């Protein structure tokens, strides 16, 4: 499954909607997606959203869709 993870670059600042970024990650479920990002980045995760069907197709066509891979 593909998940869109909304995050702030650092955990030291209050989240501000205008500074929210996102990345795409493949994982078995939302919990695993969160763990992958938490274990490999210093990001403050705001939300993890599963992308399916038309929503996934829209993201692939209209966003800077690149799956983030972690080692």
N, C-alpha and C. Protein backbone atom coordinates (compact mmCIF):
# COMPACT_ATOMS: atom_id res chain seq x y z
N UNK A 1 0.83 -1.17 0.00
CA UNK A 1 0.00 0.00 0.00
C UNK A 1 0.89 1.25 0.00
N UNK A 2 0.34 2.31 -0.55
CA UNK A 2 1.06 3.57 -0.62
C UNK A 2 0.42 4.54 0.39
N UNK A 3 1.29 5.23 1.13
CA UNK A 3 0.81 6.19 2.13
C UNK A 3 1.44 7.54 1.88
N UNK A 4 0.67 8.59 2.12
CA UNK A 4 1.17 9.95 2.07
C UNK A 4 1.37 10.39 3.51
N UNK A 5 2.59 10.78 3.83
CA UNK A 5 2.94 11.16 5.19
C UNK A 5 3.13 12.67 5.22
N UNK A 6 2.32 13.35 6.02
CA UNK A 6 2.44 14.79 6.20
C UNK A 6 3.33 15.03 7.41
N UNK A 7 4.29 15.96 7.26
CA UNK A 7 5.25 16.15 8.34
C UNK A 7 5.78 17.58 8.38
N UNK A 8 6.42 17.90 9.52
CA UNK A 8 7.20 19.11 9.70
C UNK A 8 8.66 18.67 9.72
N UNK A 9 9.56 19.53 9.27
CA UNK A 9 10.97 19.15 9.17
C UNK A 9 11.62 18.85 10.51
N UNK A 10 11.13 19.44 11.58
CA UNK A 10 11.76 19.26 12.87
C UNK A 10 10.72 19.09 13.97
N UNK A 11 11.11 18.43 15.04
CA UNK A 11 10.22 18.23 16.17
C UNK A 11 10.31 19.38 17.18
N UNK A 12 11.24 20.31 16.96
CA UNK A 12 11.47 21.37 17.92
C UNK A 12 10.56 22.58 17.76
N UNK A 13 9.78 22.65 16.69
CA UNK A 13 8.90 23.79 16.46
C UNK A 13 7.46 23.34 16.47
N UNK A 14 6.58 24.27 16.79
CA UNK A 14 5.16 23.97 16.69
C UNK A 14 4.79 23.76 15.22
N UNK A 15 3.94 22.79 14.95
CA UNK A 15 3.52 22.58 13.56
C UNK A 15 2.75 23.79 13.04
N UNK A 16 3.05 24.18 11.82
CA UNK A 16 2.34 25.25 11.14
C UNK A 16 1.88 24.72 9.80
N UNK A 17 0.61 24.85 9.54
CA UNK A 17 0.03 24.30 8.32
C UNK A 17 0.78 24.76 7.07
N UNK A 18 1.20 26.01 7.06
CA UNK A 18 1.89 26.56 5.89
C UNK A 18 3.24 25.90 5.65
N UNK A 19 3.79 25.25 6.65
CA UNK A 19 5.10 24.62 6.53
C UNK A 19 5.02 23.10 6.45
N UNK A 20 3.82 22.56 6.33
CA UNK A 20 3.65 21.12 6.24
C UNK A 20 4.14 20.61 4.89
N UNK A 21 4.94 19.57 4.94
CA UNK A 21 5.46 18.91 3.75
C UNK A 21 4.89 17.50 3.68
N UNK A 22 5.13 16.81 2.58
CA UNK A 22 4.65 15.43 2.49
C UNK A 22 5.63 14.58 1.71
N UNK A 23 5.57 13.30 1.97
CA UNK A 23 6.34 12.31 1.22
C UNK A 23 5.48 11.08 1.07
N UNK A 24 5.87 10.23 0.15
CA UNK A 24 5.12 9.02 -0.13
C UNK A 24 5.98 7.82 0.24
N UNK A 25 5.35 6.85 0.89
CA UNK A 25 6.09 5.67 1.33
C UNK A 25 5.21 4.43 1.12
N UNK A 26 5.87 3.33 0.79
CA UNK A 26 5.16 2.06 0.64
C UNK A 26 5.36 1.25 1.91
N UNK A 27 4.24 0.73 2.45
CA UNK A 27 4.29 -0.06 3.68
C UNK A 27 3.06 -0.96 3.74
N UNK A 28 3.09 -1.91 4.68
CA UNK A 28 1.97 -2.83 4.84
C UNK A 28 0.75 -2.16 5.44
N UNK A 29 0.97 -1.19 6.33
CA UNK A 29 -0.13 -0.47 6.96
C UNK A 29 0.37 0.89 7.45
N UNK A 30 -0.54 1.71 7.97
CA UNK A 30 -0.19 3.07 8.40
C UNK A 30 0.83 3.06 9.54
N UNK A 31 0.73 2.08 10.42
CA UNK A 31 1.67 1.99 11.54
C UNK A 31 3.09 1.76 11.02
N UNK A 32 3.24 0.84 10.08
CA UNK A 32 4.56 0.56 9.51
C UNK A 32 5.10 1.76 8.74
N UNK A 33 4.23 2.48 8.05
CA UNK A 33 4.65 3.68 7.33
C UNK A 33 5.19 4.72 8.31
N UNK A 34 4.49 4.92 9.42
CA UNK A 34 4.94 5.87 10.44
C UNK A 34 6.27 5.43 11.03
N UNK A 35 6.42 4.16 11.32
CA UNK A 35 7.66 3.65 11.91
C UNK A 35 8.83 3.86 10.95
N UNK A 36 8.62 3.58 9.66
CA UNK A 36 9.69 3.78 8.68
C UNK A 36 10.18 5.23 8.68
N UNK A 37 9.25 6.16 8.68
CA UNK A 37 9.63 7.57 8.64
C UNK A 37 10.26 8.00 9.97
N UNK A 38 9.68 7.59 11.09
CA UNK A 38 10.23 7.96 12.40
C UNK A 38 11.64 7.42 12.60
N UNK A 39 11.89 6.20 12.16
CA UNK A 39 13.20 5.57 12.37
C UNK A 39 14.29 6.13 11.46
N UNK A 40 13.91 6.78 10.37
CA UNK A 40 14.89 7.21 9.39
C UNK A 40 14.98 8.71 9.18
N UNK A 41 14.18 9.49 9.89
CA UNK A 41 14.20 10.94 9.72
C UNK A 41 14.02 11.64 11.07
N UNK A 42 14.32 12.93 11.13
CA UNK A 42 14.05 13.70 12.35
C UNK A 42 12.69 14.40 12.28
N UNK A 43 11.83 14.02 11.34
CA UNK A 43 10.59 14.71 11.08
C UNK A 43 9.55 14.54 12.18
N UNK A 44 8.71 15.55 12.31
CA UNK A 44 7.55 15.51 13.19
C UNK A 44 6.35 15.13 12.33
N UNK A 45 5.89 13.91 12.46
CA UNK A 45 4.81 13.40 11.62
C UNK A 45 3.48 13.92 12.14
N UNK A 46 2.72 14.51 11.23
CA UNK A 46 1.40 15.04 11.58
C UNK A 46 0.28 14.05 11.27
N UNK A 47 0.39 13.41 10.10
CA UNK A 47 -0.71 12.55 9.65
C UNK A 47 -0.18 11.54 8.62
N UNK A 48 -0.74 10.34 8.65
CA UNK A 48 -0.42 9.31 7.66
C UNK A 48 -1.72 8.92 6.99
N UNK A 49 -1.76 9.07 5.67
CA UNK A 49 -2.99 8.83 4.91
C UNK A 49 -2.75 7.76 3.85
N UNK A 50 -3.59 6.73 3.85
CA UNK A 50 -3.49 5.71 2.81
C UNK A 50 -4.06 6.25 1.51
N UNK A 51 -3.36 5.99 0.41
CA UNK A 51 -3.82 6.42 -0.90
C UNK A 51 -4.31 5.20 -1.67
N UNK A 52 -5.56 5.24 -2.11
CA UNK A 52 -6.13 4.13 -2.87
C UNK A 52 -6.98 4.68 -4.01
N UNK A 53 -7.17 3.87 -5.02
CA UNK A 53 -8.09 4.19 -6.11
C UNK A 53 -7.80 5.50 -6.80
N UNK A 54 -8.86 6.30 -6.99
CA UNK A 54 -8.76 7.57 -7.69
C UNK A 54 -7.84 8.55 -6.99
N UNK A 55 -7.80 8.49 -5.67
CA UNK A 55 -6.92 9.41 -4.93
C UNK A 55 -5.46 9.12 -5.25
N UNK A 56 -5.09 7.86 -5.31
CA UNK A 56 -3.72 7.49 -5.65
C UNK A 56 -3.40 7.91 -7.08
N UNK A 57 -4.32 7.68 -7.99
CA UNK A 57 -4.09 8.07 -9.39
C UNK A 57 -3.93 9.59 -9.51
N UNK A 58 -4.73 10.34 -8.79
CA UNK A 58 -4.63 11.79 -8.81
C UNK A 58 -3.26 12.24 -8.32
N UNK A 59 -2.80 11.68 -7.21
CA UNK A 59 -1.49 12.04 -6.66
C UNK A 59 -0.38 11.73 -7.65
N UNK A 60 -0.48 10.60 -8.33
CA UNK A 60 0.55 10.22 -9.30
C UNK A 60 0.59 11.19 -10.47
N UNK A 61 -0.55 11.72 -10.86
CA UNK A 61 -0.63 12.61 -12.02
C UNK A 61 -0.39 14.08 -11.68
N UNK A 62 -0.76 14.53 -10.49
CA UNK A 62 -0.77 15.95 -10.19
C UNK A 62 0.20 16.40 -9.11
N UNK A 63 0.87 15.53 -8.48
CA UNK A 63 1.81 15.92 -7.42
C UNK A 63 3.22 15.47 -7.82
N UNK A 64 4.17 15.89 -7.05
CA UNK A 64 5.54 15.41 -7.27
C UNK A 64 5.65 14.03 -6.63
N UNK A 65 5.04 13.06 -7.29
CA UNK A 65 4.92 11.71 -6.73
C UNK A 65 6.21 10.94 -6.92
N UNK A 66 6.92 10.72 -5.81
CA UNK A 66 8.12 9.89 -5.80
C UNK A 66 8.08 9.10 -4.50
N UNK A 67 8.16 7.78 -4.61
CA UNK A 67 8.20 6.96 -3.41
C UNK A 67 9.53 7.16 -2.70
N UNK A 68 9.47 7.40 -1.40
CA UNK A 68 10.68 7.54 -0.60
C UNK A 68 11.09 6.16 -0.12
N UNK A 69 12.33 5.81 -0.36
CA UNK A 69 12.84 4.50 0.06
C UNK A 69 13.84 4.70 1.19
N UNK A 70 13.71 3.89 2.20
CA UNK A 70 14.64 3.93 3.33
C UNK A 70 15.44 2.64 3.36
N UNK A 71 16.71 2.74 3.70
CA UNK A 71 17.58 1.55 3.77
C UNK A 71 17.43 0.86 5.07
